[in-house]
């Protein structure tokens, strides 16, 4: 079966065509600046081409994708009839679904009801589904949610200590995100360890989240009602005292929406360092020549790593011991110095890093074991593959 994987953002649409019989990517690409001017980038067999093309909406973007994968330039398929299903990354399942779903008229209505929980991403995801329904009629469409892997959390982990009506009337609770990545890594860890054990998964990119997984089920995760909760990130503050919002609003005259944007877009690494939300840029200044921003850059890195370290400790307690820890996503997979900052001084928990395995003998793009031989907890670096997870779920449900 060939599966088209769609990840629609507010002004972008990522795609992959995967041959599930051979477990390989046939082609992948990105349509961006949808509704502005439009740019399409495709990568196939090591080749790459970029075209400027007007895309007024997601339907236009999908037409570009279909033209591309059927074209002689990128000979991915000979006919659209080869596409057996489409898997969509959809942000929110709320409490309605605890697994991926085959989309039909009834549950499309339910997905639209969940827009208040994800006002930026959910409408874009739905637009991607509708565009595929229009241009690929009769082809099964599957929604793979960012939240459902975390739906196994117990109430004492997902409820907030606020009046019950906030939960029962408005659905205010912890949902968690990055679920497809956490699910994929949990499965890979189970294969590597030979069992469904006690795992801590650290998805550290521009956005960052951790999860505590016990026997294949998530029991807690760091992101909450929105992706703003949890550890410090590229431009997100992570956990802060809610009263800070009131102080910021009084001092600046900003509205509540502007204040939340301040915490989402202007905080985290870029807020503390004053340099960038990209870890590589901050590290370059922190470890480079003396500059007026060197101290702030180093502080930003220390804060980021410290927040992750604290959550590792808390999840160690929640799980009553840990079999393995995995680092994944852009920083988790590529940031050797960052991993060392996070994992230093955890010997009391039986977590011991091998610096040679972490840095000198590290192989990018592969699964690496970076724990010392005497570490009671195995430490892995595992490349994530959210698109593969979406395709596998799609294949499972359609078959």
Protein backbone atom coordinates (compact mmCIF):
# COMPACT_ATOMS: atom_id res chain seq x y z
CA UNK A 1 0.00 0.00 0.00
CA UNK A 2 1.15 3.54 -0.79
CA UNK A 3 0.15 6.14 1.80
CA UNK A 4 0.16 9.89 1.34
CA UNK A 5 1.00 11.58 4.65
CA UNK A 6 -0.23 15.15 5.11
CA UNK A 7 0.77 17.56 7.87
CA UNK A 8 -1.14 20.79 7.26
CA UNK A 9 -0.19 23.96 9.15
CA UNK A 10 -1.84 27.36 9.07
CA UNK A 11 0.19 28.45 6.02
CA UNK A 12 2.07 25.27 5.13
CA UNK A 13 1.55 21.66 4.04
CA UNK A 14 4.20 18.98 4.51
CA UNK A 15 3.78 15.71 2.66
CA UNK A 16 5.35 12.31 2.09
CA UNK A 17 4.44 9.37 -0.11
CA UNK A 18 5.41 6.11 1.60
CA UNK A 19 5.46 2.59 0.22
CA UNK A 20 4.38 0.59 3.25
CA UNK A 21 5.17 -2.77 1.62
CA UNK A 22 8.83 -1.78 1.42
CA UNK A 23 8.84 0.65 4.36
CA UNK A 24 10.44 3.42 2.36
CA UNK A 25 9.78 7.06 1.49
CA UNK A 26 9.20 7.58 -2.22
CA UNK A 27 9.12 11.37 -2.09
CA UNK A 28 8.55 14.20 0.35
CA UNK A 29 8.13 17.93 0.24
CA UNK A 30 6.77 21.15 1.67
CA UNK A 31 4.32 23.75 0.42
CA UNK A 32 4.77 26.98 2.37
CA UNK A 33 3.54 30.56 2.38
CA UNK A 34 0.04 29.32 1.45
CA UNK A 35 -2.25 32.32 1.04
CA UNK A 36 0.72 34.67 0.68
CA UNK A 37 2.74 33.93 -2.46
CA UNK A 38 3.69 30.26 -2.35
CA UNK A 39 6.79 28.09 -2.49
CA UNK A 40 7.03 24.34 -3.09
CA UNK A 41 10.11 22.27 -2.25
CA UNK A 42 10.39 18.58 -3.13
CA UNK A 43 13.06 16.03 -2.27
CA UNK A 44 13.26 12.68 -4.06
CA UNK A 45 16.13 10.17 -4.24
CA UNK A 46 18.62 12.73 -2.97
CA UNK A 47 17.51 15.33 -5.50
CA UNK A 48 15.80 18.59 -4.70
CA UNK A 49 13.87 21.21 -6.60
CA UNK A 50 12.14 24.43 -5.54
CA UNK A 51 9.39 26.27 -7.39
CA UNK A 52 7.55 29.50 -6.72
CA UNK A 53 3.85 28.83 -7.26
CA UNK A 54 0.75 30.70 -6.11
CA UNK A 55 -1.35 28.76 -3.60
CA UNK A 56 -4.42 30.59 -2.32
CA UNK A 57 -5.46 27.80 0.04
CA UNK A 58 -4.75 24.20 1.06
CA UNK A 59 -6.70 22.87 -1.90
CA UNK A 60 -4.31 24.71 -4.24
CA UNK A 61 -1.36 23.34 -2.28
CA UNK A 62 -2.63 19.78 -2.60
CA UNK A 63 -3.07 20.26 -6.36
CA UNK A 64 0.62 21.19 -6.48
CA UNK A 65 1.49 18.06 -4.51
CA UNK A 66 -0.56 15.79 -6.77
CA UNK A 67 0.90 17.34 -9.92
CA UNK A 68 4.37 16.82 -8.46
CA UNK A 69 4.04 13.18 -7.47
CA UNK A 70 2.45 12.26 -10.81
CA UNK A 71 4.92 14.24 -12.90
CA UNK A 72 7.89 13.01 -14.90
CA UNK A 73 10.10 15.30 -12.83
CA UNK A 74 9.34 13.29 -9.70
CA UNK A 75 8.02 9.92 -10.97
CA UNK A 76 6.61 8.70 -7.66
CA UNK A 77 3.42 7.05 -8.91
CA UNK A 78 1.94 6.40 -12.34
CA UNK A 79 -1.63 7.09 -11.24
CA UNK A 80 -3.48 8.52 -8.25
CA UNK A 81 -5.22 5.16 -7.98
CA UNK A 82 -1.98 3.87 -6.42
CA UNK A 83 -2.62 5.99 -3.32
CA UNK A 84 -4.39 3.56 -1.00
CA UNK A 85 -5.02 6.00 1.85
CA UNK A 86 -4.16 9.43 3.21
CA UNK A 87 -2.93 9.89 6.76
CA UNK A 88 -3.37 13.33 8.31
CA UNK A 89 -1.60 14.71 11.34
CA UNK A 90 -4.40 16.30 13.36
CA UNK A 91 -3.62 18.29 16.47
CA UNK A 92 -6.47 17.53 18.85
CA UNK A 93 -8.70 14.61 19.74
CA UNK A 94 -9.91 16.16 22.99
CA UNK A 95 -11.46 13.39 25.09
CA UNK A 96 -13.48 12.08 22.13
CA UNK A 97 -10.89 9.65 20.77
CA UNK A 98 -8.08 7.62 22.28
CA UNK A 99 -6.83 6.26 18.95
CA UNK A 100 -6.49 7.36 15.35
CA UNK A 101 -9.73 7.29 13.31
CA UNK A 102 -10.92 6.74 9.76
CA UNK A 103 -12.57 10.04 8.89
CA UNK A 104 -16.27 10.15 7.97
CA UNK A 105 -18.99 12.81 7.88
CA UNK A 106 -19.97 12.24 11.51
CA UNK A 107 -16.52 12.53 13.07
CA UNK A 108 -15.59 15.46 10.82
CA UNK A 109 -18.28 17.39 12.70
CA UNK A 110 -16.69 16.30 15.98
CA UNK A 111 -13.24 17.43 14.82
CA UNK A 112 -14.64 20.88 14.09
CA UNK A 113 -16.12 21.04 17.60
CA UNK A 114 -12.56 20.68 18.93
CA UNK A 115 -11.34 23.90 17.25
CA UNK A 116 -11.51 25.87 20.57
CA UNK A 117 -8.86 23.50 21.97
CA UNK A 118 -6.51 24.20 19.04
CA UNK A 119 -7.65 27.42 17.36
CA UNK A 120 -4.48 27.83 15.28
CA UNK A 121 -3.70 24.29 14.12
CA UNK A 122 -7.02 22.40 14.16
CA UNK A 123 -8.65 24.51 11.38
CA UNK A 124 -5.58 24.03 9.17
CA UNK A 125 -5.61 20.27 9.79
CA UNK A 126 -9.30 20.13 8.87
CA UNK A 127 -8.64 22.21 5.75
CA UNK A 128 -6.05 19.63 4.69
CA UNK A 129 -8.56 16.81 5.16
CA UNK A 130 -11.24 18.62 3.14
CA UNK A 131 -8.79 19.37 0.33
CA UNK A 132 -7.90 15.67 0.09
CA UNK A 133 -11.55 14.65 0.16
CA UNK A 134 -12.19 17.02 -2.73
CA UNK A 135 -9.23 15.96 -4.87
CA UNK A 136 -9.00 12.29 -3.91
CA UNK A 137 -12.65 11.20 -3.65
CA UNK A 138 -13.16 7.69 -2.37
CA UNK A 139 -9.66 7.38 -0.93
CA UNK A 140 -9.80 6.58 2.82
CA UNK A 141 -8.68 9.47 5.03
CA UNK A 142 -7.26 8.81 8.50
CA UNK A 143 -6.73 11.31 11.34
CA UNK A 144 -3.68 10.57 13.50
CA UNK A 145 -3.86 12.81 16.54
CA UNK A 146 -1.05 14.59 18.36
CA UNK A 147 -2.77 14.00 21.70
CA UNK A 148 -4.07 10.42 21.79
CA UNK A 149 -0.86 8.73 22.95
CA UNK A 150 -1.24 10.73 26.15
CA UNK A 151 -4.90 9.75 26.64
CA UNK A 152 -3.85 6.96 29.03
CA UNK A 153 -2.81 9.45 31.72
CA UNK A 154 -4.68 8.99 35.02
CA UNK A 155 -6.95 11.81 36.21
CA UNK A 156 -4.54 12.78 38.99
CA UNK A 157 -1.95 13.54 36.30
CA UNK A 158 -4.15 15.35 33.77
CA UNK A 159 -6.51 17.36 36.00
CA UNK A 160 -5.58 20.86 37.18
CA UNK A 161 -6.21 21.99 40.76
CA UNK A 162 -8.89 24.48 39.71
CA UNK A 163 -12.70 24.26 40.15
CA UNK A 164 -14.21 21.17 38.56
CA UNK A 165 -16.44 23.18 36.23
CA UNK A 166 -13.37 24.30 34.28
CA UNK A 167 -12.89 20.65 33.35
CA UNK A 168 -16.49 19.53 32.95
CA UNK A 169 -17.75 22.62 31.07
CA UNK A 170 -14.71 23.77 29.10
CA UNK A 171 -12.47 20.72 28.87
CA UNK A 172 -9.58 22.39 30.66
CA UNK A 173 -7.11 19.63 31.49
CA UNK A 174 -3.68 18.42 30.44
CA UNK A 175 -3.75 16.83 26.96
CA UNK A 176 -0.10 16.68 25.93
CA UNK A 177 1.31 16.96 22.41
CA UNK A 178 4.10 15.50 20.21
CA UNK A 179 2.17 12.25 20.68
CA UNK A 180 3.14 10.64 17.37
CA UNK A 181 6.83 11.12 18.18
CA UNK A 182 6.47 9.80 21.74
CA UNK A 183 4.51 6.79 20.47
CA UNK A 184 7.13 6.01 17.85
CA UNK A 185 10.03 6.25 20.32
CA UNK A 186 8.18 4.17 22.92
CA UNK A 187 7.79 1.42 20.32
CA UNK A 188 11.46 1.61 19.32
CA UNK A 189 12.55 1.46 22.97
CA UNK A 190 10.42 -1.63 23.54
CA UNK A 191 12.17 -3.33 20.60
CA UNK A 192 15.62 -2.31 21.81
CA UNK A 193 14.98 -3.30 25.41
CA UNK A 194 13.08 -6.43 24.52
CA UNK A 195 10.17 -5.44 26.73
CA UNK A 196 7.56 -2.78 27.45
CA UNK A 197 9.41 -1.21 30.34
CA UNK A 198 9.58 2.06 32.24
CA UNK A 199 10.77 4.76 29.86
CA UNK A 200 11.36 8.51 29.90
CA UNK A 201 11.22 10.06 26.44
CA UNK A 202 12.78 13.48 25.83
CA UNK A 203 11.55 15.06 22.58
CA UNK A 204 13.77 18.13 22.45
CA UNK A 205 13.50 20.40 19.45
CA UNK A 206 12.40 23.99 19.08
CA UNK A 207 9.33 22.71 20.89
CA UNK A 208 10.11 20.29 23.69
CA UNK A 209 8.24 17.74 25.76
CA UNK A 210 8.93 14.74 27.95
CA UNK A 211 6.75 11.74 28.66
CA UNK A 212 6.76 9.00 31.29
CA UNK A 213 5.79 5.65 29.75
CA UNK A 214 4.98 2.51 31.73
CA UNK A 215 4.38 -0.73 29.81
CA UNK A 216 3.58 1.11 26.60
CA UNK A 217 1.20 3.61 28.19
CA UNK A 218 1.85 7.27 28.89
CA UNK A 219 1.28 8.10 32.55
CA UNK A 220 2.38 11.75 32.37
CA UNK A 221 3.74 14.33 29.95
CA UNK A 222 5.06 17.86 30.26
CA UNK A 223 2.92 19.80 27.77
CA UNK A 224 -0.52 20.60 29.07
CA UNK A 225 -3.79 22.20 27.96
CA UNK A 226 -1.63 23.85 25.32
CA UNK A 227 1.99 23.27 24.22
CA UNK A 228 3.03 26.25 26.38
CA UNK A 229 3.21 24.22 29.60
CA UNK A 230 6.24 22.18 30.57
CA UNK A 231 9.95 22.64 29.93
CA UNK A 232 11.51 25.79 28.49
CA UNK A 233 11.63 25.77 24.67
CA UNK A 234 12.95 27.77 21.73
CA UNK A 235 10.49 30.62 22.11
CA UNK A 236 8.06 29.27 24.75
CA UNK A 237 8.49 30.01 28.44
CA UNK A 238 7.32 26.64 29.73
CA UNK A 239 6.08 26.59 33.32
CA UNK A 240 5.63 30.02 34.87
CA UNK A 241 3.64 31.47 37.77
CA UNK A 242 0.26 32.44 36.21
CA UNK A 243 0.29 35.72 38.12
CA UNK A 244 3.17 36.82 35.89
CA UNK A 245 0.58 37.40 33.16
CA UNK A 246 -1.21 40.00 35.29
CA UNK A 247 2.04 41.81 36.05
CA UNK A 248 3.10 41.87 32.37
CA UNK A 249 -0.30 43.21 31.34
CA UNK A 250 -0.19 45.98 33.95
CA UNK A 251 3.34 47.01 33.02
CA UNK A 252 2.89 46.92 29.23
CA UNK A 253 -0.81 47.46 28.61
CA UNK A 254 -0.89 44.24 26.57
CA UNK A 255 -4.10 42.24 26.24
CA UNK A 256 -4.31 38.66 27.51
CA UNK A 257 -3.88 37.39 23.93
CA UNK A 258 -0.81 39.56 23.45
CA UNK A 259 0.59 38.34 26.76
CA UNK A 260 0.13 34.67 25.83
CA UNK A 261 1.85 35.44 22.51
CA UNK A 262 4.68 37.03 24.56
CA UNK A 263 5.09 33.73 26.43
CA UNK A 264 4.75 31.62 23.26
CA UNK A 265 6.81 33.58 20.75
CA UNK A 266 9.22 35.84 22.65
CA UNK A 267 10.29 33.77 25.65
CA UNK A 268 12.31 30.59 26.17
CA UNK A 269 15.79 30.51 24.63
CA UNK A 270 15.30 33.69 22.63
CA UNK A 271 13.82 35.53 25.60
CA UNK A 272 16.63 34.69 28.01
CA UNK A 273 19.54 34.83 25.57
CA UNK A 274 18.37 37.70 23.38
CA UNK A 275 19.98 35.83 20.48
CA UNK A 276 17.80 33.19 18.86
CA UNK A 277 15.27 30.43 19.45
CA UNK A 278 17.66 28.03 17.69
CA UNK A 279 19.82 26.09 20.16
CA UNK A 280 22.76 26.09 17.71
CA UNK A 281 22.88 29.87 17.55
CA UNK A 282 22.75 30.17 21.34
CA UNK A 283 25.49 27.54 21.79
CA UNK A 284 27.73 29.34 19.29
CA UNK A 285 27.66 32.47 21.44
CA UNK A 286 27.77 30.62 24.78
CA UNK A 287 30.86 28.58 23.84
CA UNK A 288 32.47 31.18 21.56
CA UNK A 289 34.59 34.25 22.11
CA UNK A 290 33.67 36.67 24.89
CA UNK A 291 30.77 38.89 23.94
CA UNK A 292 28.21 40.96 25.77
CA UNK A 293 25.65 38.19 25.22
CA UNK A 294 27.85 35.26 26.26
CA UNK A 295 26.61 35.17 29.88
CA UNK A 296 22.95 35.34 28.83
CA UNK A 297 23.50 32.64 26.22
CA UNK A 298 25.11 30.31 28.76
CA UNK A 299 22.34 31.01 31.28
CA UNK A 300 19.69 30.18 28.67
CA UNK A 301 21.33 26.81 27.99
CA UNK A 302 21.68 26.06 31.69
CA UNK A 303 18.03 26.92 32.35
CA UNK A 304 16.82 24.80 29.45
CA UNK A 305 18.85 21.76 30.52
CA UNK A 306 17.93 22.23 34.19
CA UNK A 307 14.19 22.19 33.44
CA UNK A 308 14.57 18.92 31.52
CA UNK A 309 16.73 17.44 34.30
CA UNK A 310 14.06 18.28 36.89
CA UNK A 311 11.35 16.56 34.88
CA UNK A 312 13.55 13.48 34.44
CA UNK A 313 13.84 13.35 38.23
CA UNK A 314 10.10 13.76 38.76
CA UNK A 315 9.26 11.09 36.20
CA UNK A 316 11.81 8.78 37.79
CA UNK A 317 9.71 9.10 40.96
CA UNK A 318 6.38 8.75 39.12
CA UNK A 319 7.55 5.54 37.45
CA UNK A 320 9.26 4.21 40.59
CA UNK A 321 12.47 3.65 38.67
CA UNK A 322 13.41 3.77 35.00
CA UNK A 323 14.72 1.19 32.55
CA UNK A 324 15.69 3.58 29.76
CA UNK A 325 15.80 7.23 28.74
CA UNK A 326 15.63 8.30 25.10
CA UNK A 327 16.54 11.62 23.48
CA UNK A 328 14.99 12.51 20.14
CA UNK A 329 14.08 15.41 17.79
CA UNK A 330 16.46 18.10 16.51
CA UNK A 331 18.30 19.03 19.70
CA UNK A 332 17.83 15.67 21.39
CA UNK A 333 19.36 13.84 18.41
CA UNK A 334 22.14 16.30 17.54
CA UNK A 335 23.03 18.24 20.68
CA UNK A 336 25.83 16.29 22.36
CA UNK A 337 26.86 19.16 24.67
CA UNK A 338 23.23 19.75 25.56
CA UNK A 339 22.66 16.08 26.44
CA UNK A 340 25.73 16.22 28.67
CA UNK A 341 24.32 19.26 30.51
CA UNK A 342 21.00 17.48 31.10
CA UNK A 343 22.50 14.17 32.25
CA UNK A 344 25.34 15.42 34.45
CA UNK A 345 25.07 14.76 38.19
CA UNK A 346 22.34 12.14 37.92
CA UNK A 347 24.53 9.30 39.18
CA UNK A 348 22.41 9.17 42.34
CA UNK A 349 19.56 7.89 40.15
CA UNK A 350 21.81 5.35 38.44
CA UNK A 351 22.00 7.49 35.28
CA UNK A 352 25.60 7.66 34.02
CA UNK A 353 26.59 9.15 30.67
CA UNK A 354 29.57 7.88 28.65
CA UNK A 355 31.11 11.02 27.17
CA UNK A 356 32.96 9.15 24.42
CA UNK A 357 29.77 7.44 23.24
CA UNK A 358 27.90 10.73 23.46
CA UNK A 359 30.41 12.78 21.47
CA UNK A 360 33.48 11.11 19.94
CA UNK A 361 31.96 7.83 18.79
CA UNK A 362 28.46 9.16 18.13
CA UNK A 363 26.88 8.34 14.74
CA UNK A 364 24.31 10.87 13.54
CA UNK A 365 21.07 9.59 12.12
CA UNK A 366 21.40 6.23 13.85
CA UNK A 367 20.33 4.70 17.15
CA UNK A 368 23.10 5.31 19.69
CA UNK A 369 23.54 3.98 23.21
CA UNK A 370 25.32 6.71 25.15
CA UNK A 371 25.10 5.34 28.70
CA UNK A 372 28.19 4.11 30.52
CA UNK A 373 28.61 0.38 31.09
CA UNK A 374 27.98 0.87 34.82
CA UNK A 375 24.79 2.94 34.29
CA UNK A 376 21.74 1.27 35.79
CA UNK A 377 19.58 3.17 33.30
CA UNK A 378 20.16 2.72 29.57
CA UNK A 379 20.41 6.03 27.68
CA UNK A 380 19.54 6.08 23.98
CA UNK A 381 19.50 8.63 21.19
CA UNK A 382 16.85 7.59 18.66
CA UNK A 383 15.90 9.50 15.49
CA UNK A 384 12.15 10.08 15.51
CA UNK A 385 9.90 9.43 12.52
CA UNK A 386 6.47 10.95 13.02
CA UNK A 387 5.51 10.57 9.35
CA UNK A 388 6.23 6.83 9.49
CA UNK A 389 4.09 6.55 12.61
CA UNK A 390 1.22 8.35 10.84
CA UNK A 391 1.59 6.07 7.81
CA UNK A 392 1.65 2.92 9.99
CA UNK A 393 -1.49 3.97 11.87
CA UNK A 394 -3.18 4.78 8.57
CA UNK A 395 -2.28 1.42 7.09
CA UNK A 396 -3.46 -0.40 10.24
CA UNK A 397 -6.88 1.27 10.27
CA UNK A 398 -7.52 1.05 6.54
CA UNK A 399 -6.56 -2.61 6.35
